[in-house]
Amino acid sequence: MHRTQMRTGFGFLVALALLLAGCSSGPEGTYPVSGTVTFNGEALPEGNIIFSAADGTGVPAAGEIRNGKFRLHVTPGKKTVAILATREFGEVDAVMGARQREMYIPKRYNDETTLTADVTPGGKNRFEFPLSDAQ
């Protein structure tokens, strides 16, 4: 898939999940989930995190990552977790007035995620995701 198409597709997915998840205290049947995300040993400055049912059913829950921390409400069960983050690169585009952005988190943490979490009604539901660009 072309890099621009990948960014557009993930941007749409994140926007949809954030819209569906909302920013309130959490719909009935969801539980608070929180944790940290580091990349190469440093707190991830900003990004998005998406918890999706491992069996592919239901609506994903998404939230923002700020200074390596996230907090959102998620339905219980086994989840796959996708983490997305972009950064600016290149020169400022004269037409757009901004630099381009690129996804810099490896695919194994987003579109080919290997991350999982088990959200339980009675659990702490606190997760740590130490990411690395090393193979």
C-alpha atoms as a PDB file:
ATOM      1  CA  MET A   1       0.000   0.000   0.000  1.00  0.00           C
ATOM      2  CA  HIS A   2       1.281   3.469  -0.812  1.00  0.00           C
ATOM      3  CA  ARG A   3       2.425   5.493   2.234  1.00  0.00           C
ATOM      4  CA  THR A   4      -0.103   8.305   1.548  1.00  0.00           C
ATOM      5  CA  GLN A   5      -2.960   5.804   1.229  1.00  0.00           C
ATOM      6  CA  MET A   6      -1.868   4.140   4.476  1.00  0.00           C
ATOM      7  CA  ARG A   7      -1.869   7.471   6.325  1.00  0.00           C
ATOM      8  CA  THR A   8      -5.262   8.392   4.886  1.00  0.00           C
ATOM      9  CA  GLY A   9      -6.758   5.010   5.774  1.00  0.00           C
ATOM     10  CA  PHE A  10      -5.462   5.108   9.339  1.00  0.00           C
ATOM     11  CA  GLY A  11      -6.535   8.731   9.700  1.00  0.00           C
ATOM     12  CA  PHE A  12     -10.068   7.761   8.751  1.00  0.00           C
ATOM     13  CA  LEU A  13     -10.035   4.764  11.124  1.00  0.00           C
ATOM     14  CA  VAL A  14      -8.797   6.895  14.014  1.00  0.00           C
ATOM     15  CA  ALA A  15     -11.351   9.644  13.333  1.00  0.00           C
ATOM     16  CA  LEU A  16     -14.187   7.118  13.128  1.00  0.00           C
ATOM     17  CA  ALA A  17     -13.143   5.306  16.302  1.00  0.00           C
ATOM     18  CA  LEU A  18     -12.747   8.573  18.212  1.00  0.00           C
ATOM     19  CA  LEU A  19     -16.164   9.727  17.046  1.00  0.00           C
ATOM     20  CA  LEU A  20     -17.766   6.449  18.087  1.00  0.00           C
ATOM     21  CA  ALA A  21     -15.908   6.297  21.389  1.00  0.00           C
ATOM     22  CA  GLY A  22     -16.695   9.854  22.432  1.00  0.00           C
ATOM     23  CA  CYS A  23     -15.009  11.685  25.270  1.00  0.00           C
ATOM     24  CA  SER A  24     -17.494  11.150  28.108  1.00  0.00           C
ATOM     25  CA  SER A  25     -17.107   9.114  31.278  1.00  0.00           C
ATOM     26  CA  GLY A  26     -17.831   5.895  29.425  1.00  0.00           C
ATOM     27  CA  PRO A  27     -20.908   4.189  28.072  1.00  0.00           C
ATOM     28  CA  GLU A  28     -22.627   1.411  29.950  1.00  0.00           C
ATOM     29  CA  GLY A  29     -20.779  -1.889  29.621  1.00  0.00           C
ATOM     30  CA  THR A  30     -17.343  -0.285  29.321  1.00  0.00           C
ATOM     31  CA  TYR A  31     -14.521  -0.096  31.822  1.00  0.00           C
ATOM     32  CA  PRO A  32     -11.734   2.430  32.374  1.00  0.00           C
ATOM     33  CA  VAL A  33      -8.467   1.468  30.730  1.00  0.00           C
ATOM     34  CA  SER A  34      -5.222   3.384  31.161  1.00  0.00           C
ATOM     35  CA  GLY A  35      -1.526   2.973  30.714  1.00  0.00           C
ATOM     36  CA  THR A  36       1.669   4.129  29.119  1.00  0.00           C
ATOM     37  CA  VAL A  37       3.267   3.995  25.684  1.00  0.00           C
ATOM     38  CA  THR A  38       6.992   4.413  25.165  1.00  0.00           C
ATOM     39  CA  PHE A  39       8.936   4.426  21.910  1.00  0.00           C
ATOM     40  CA  ASN A  40      12.633   3.564  22.064  1.00  0.00           C
ATOM     41  CA  GLY A  41      12.575   4.110  25.831  1.00  0.00           C
ATOM     42  CA  GLU A  42      10.949   7.573  25.734  1.00  0.00           C
ATOM     43  CA  ALA A  43       7.321   8.526  26.430  1.00  0.00           C
ATOM     44  CA  LEU A  44       5.432   8.764  23.137  1.00  0.00           C
ATOM     45  CA  PRO A  45       4.757  12.528  22.843  1.00  0.00           C
ATOM     46  CA  GLU A  46       1.386  12.143  21.138  1.00  0.00           C
ATOM     47  CA  GLY A  47      -0.558   9.623  19.147  1.00  0.00           C
ATOM     48  CA  ASN A  48      -3.674   7.486  19.141  1.00  0.00           C
ATOM     49  CA  ILE A  49      -4.471   4.074  20.584  1.00  0.00           C
ATOM     50  CA  ILE A  50      -7.246   1.785  19.381  1.00  0.00           C
ATOM     51  CA  PHE A  51      -8.588  -1.259  21.239  1.00  0.00           C
ATOM     52  CA  SER A  52     -10.498  -3.637  18.922  1.00  0.00           C
ATOM     53  CA  ALA A  53     -12.135  -6.948  19.777  1.00  0.00           C
ATOM     54  CA  ALA A  54      -9.712  -9.751  18.948  1.00  0.00           C
ATOM     55  CA  ASP A  55     -12.515 -11.612  17.155  1.00  0.00           C
ATOM     56  CA  GLY A  56     -13.283  -8.588  14.972  1.00  0.00           C
ATOM     57  CA  THR A  57     -16.745  -7.918  16.412  1.00  0.00           C
ATOM     58  CA  GLY A  58     -18.056  -4.736  17.985  1.00  0.00           C
ATOM     59  CA  VAL A  59     -16.970  -1.140  17.732  1.00  0.00           C
ATOM     60  CA  PRO A  60     -13.337  -0.221  18.439  1.00  0.00           C
ATOM     61  CA  ALA A  61     -12.549   2.135  21.308  1.00  0.00           C
ATOM     62  CA  ALA A  62      -9.977   4.829  20.648  1.00  0.00           C
ATOM     63  CA  GLY A  63      -8.227   7.470  22.666  1.00  0.00           C
ATOM     64  CA  GLU A  64      -5.376   9.919  22.559  1.00  0.00           C
ATOM     65  CA  ILE A  65      -1.881   9.366  23.854  1.00  0.00           C
ATOM     66  CA  ARG A  66      -0.336  12.452  25.484  1.00  0.00           C
ATOM     67  CA  ASN A  67       3.129  12.434  27.027  1.00  0.00           C
ATOM     68  CA  GLY A  68       3.120   8.651  26.942  1.00  0.00           C
ATOM     69  CA  LYS A  69      -0.180   8.235  28.805  1.00  0.00           C
ATOM     70  CA  PHE A  70      -3.647   7.187  27.703  1.00  0.00           C
ATOM     71  CA  ARG A  71      -7.042   6.769  29.359  1.00  0.00           C
ATOM     72  CA  LEU A  72     -10.292   5.602  27.766  1.00  0.00           C
ATOM     73  CA  HIS A  73     -13.281   3.292  28.263  1.00  0.00           C
ATOM     74  CA  VAL A  74     -13.336  -0.129  26.612  1.00  0.00           C
ATOM     75  CA  THR A  75     -15.713  -3.090  26.524  1.00  0.00           C
ATOM     76  CA  PRO A  76     -14.376  -6.195  28.287  1.00  0.00           C
ATOM     77  CA  GLY A  77     -12.633  -9.016  26.468  1.00  0.00           C
ATOM     78  CA  LYS A  78      -9.520  -9.878  24.532  1.00  0.00           C
ATOM     79  CA  LYS A  79      -8.361  -6.955  22.362  1.00  0.00           C
ATOM     80  CA  THR A  80      -5.888  -6.197  19.660  1.00  0.00           C
ATOM     81  CA  VAL A  81      -4.237  -2.842  20.208  1.00  0.00           C
ATOM     82  CA  ALA A  82      -3.054  -0.465  17.489  1.00  0.00           C
ATOM     83  CA  ILE A  83      -0.855   2.535  18.205  1.00  0.00           C
ATOM     84  CA  LEU A  84      -0.439   5.321  15.687  1.00  0.00           C
ATOM     85  CA  ALA A  85       1.811   8.365  15.729  1.00  0.00           C
ATOM     86  CA  THR A  86       2.963  10.760  13.034  1.00  0.00           C
ATOM     87  CA  ARG A  87       5.699  13.348  12.773  1.00  0.00           C
ATOM     88  CA  GLU A  88       6.581  16.120  10.370  1.00  0.00           C
ATOM     89  CA  PHE A  89       9.287  15.684   7.744  1.00  0.00           C
ATOM     90  CA  GLY A  90      10.733  17.492   4.754  1.00  0.00           C
ATOM     91  CA  GLU A  91      10.353  21.079   3.689  1.00  0.00           C
ATOM     92  CA  VAL A  92       7.283  23.257   4.189  1.00  0.00           C
ATOM     93  CA  ASP A  93       4.905  22.827   1.249  1.00  0.00           C
ATOM     94  CA  ALA A  94       4.412  26.267  -0.336  1.00  0.00           C
ATOM     95  CA  VAL A  95       0.769  25.542  -1.202  1.00  0.00           C
ATOM     96  CA  MET A  96      -0.292  23.903   2.066  1.00  0.00           C
ATOM     97  CA  GLY A  97       1.911  26.010   4.325  1.00  0.00           C
ATOM     98  CA  ALA A  98       2.956  22.985   6.395  1.00  0.00           C
ATOM     99  CA  ARG A  99       5.375  20.090   6.319  1.00  0.00           C
ATOM    100  CA  GLN A 100       4.221  16.603   5.375  1.00  0.00           C
ATOM    101  CA  ARG A 101       3.572  14.020   8.090  1.00  0.00           C
ATOM    102  CA  GLU A 102       4.632  10.391   8.204  1.00  0.00           C
ATOM    103  CA  MET A 103       3.684   7.413  10.341  1.00  0.00           C
ATOM    104  CA  TYR A 104       6.862   6.481  12.205  1.00  0.00           C
ATOM    105  CA  ILE A 105       5.604   3.727  14.473  1.00  0.00           C
ATOM    106  CA  PRO A 106       6.395   0.328  12.859  1.00  0.00           C
ATOM    107  CA  LYS A 107       3.532  -1.602  11.223  1.00  0.00           C
ATOM    108  CA  ARG A 108       3.765  -4.366  13.837  1.00  0.00           C
ATOM    109  CA  TYR A 109       2.154  -1.886  16.261  1.00  0.00           C
ATOM    110  CA  ASN A 110      -0.657  -0.616  13.989  1.00  0.00           C
ATOM    111  CA  ASP A 111      -1.832  -2.063  10.643  1.00  0.00           C
ATOM    112  CA  GLU A 112      -0.098  -5.413  11.380  1.00  0.00           C
ATOM    113  CA  THR A 113      -0.367  -5.151  15.150  1.00  0.00           C
ATOM    114  CA  THR A 114       0.987  -7.826  17.439  1.00  0.00           C
ATOM    115  CA  LEU A 115      -0.139  -5.966  20.580  1.00  0.00           C
ATOM    116  CA  THR A 116      -2.903  -7.413  22.745  1.00  0.00           C
ATOM    117  CA  ALA A 117      -4.715  -6.639  25.973  1.00  0.00           C
ATOM    118  CA  ASP A 118      -7.334  -8.439  28.048  1.00  0.00           C
ATOM    119  CA  VAL A 119      -9.838  -5.968  29.504  1.00  0.00           C
ATOM    120  CA  THR A 120     -11.648  -7.413  32.523  1.00  0.00           C
ATOM    121  CA  PRO A 121     -14.619  -6.027  34.491  1.00  0.00           C
ATOM    122  CA  GLY A 122     -12.855  -6.416  37.853  1.00  0.00           C
ATOM    123  CA  GLY A 123      -9.276  -5.818  36.759  1.00  0.00           C
ATOM    124  CA  LYS A 124      -6.935  -2.851  37.027  1.00  0.00           C
ATOM    125  CA  ASN A 125      -6.911  -2.657  33.216  1.00  0.00           C
ATOM    126  CA  ARG A 126      -3.605  -0.826  33.214  1.00  0.00           C
ATOM    127  CA  PHE A 127      -1.369  -1.649  30.274  1.00  0.00           C
ATOM    128  CA  GLU A 128       2.177  -0.745  29.286  1.00  0.00           C
ATOM    129  CA  PHE A 129       3.255  -0.783  25.665  1.00  0.00           C
ATOM    130  CA  PRO A 130       7.044  -0.432  25.237  1.00  0.00           C
ATOM    131  CA  LEU A 131       7.509   0.061  21.478  1.00  0.00           C
ATOM    132  CA  SER A 132      10.770  -0.006  19.558  1.00  0.00           C
ATOM    133  CA  ASP A 133      11.913   0.544  15.995  1.00  0.00           C
ATOM    134  CA  ALA A 134      14.466  -2.267  16.433  1.00  0.00           C
ATOM    135  CA  GLN A 135      13.628  -5.530  14.701  1.00  0.00           C
END
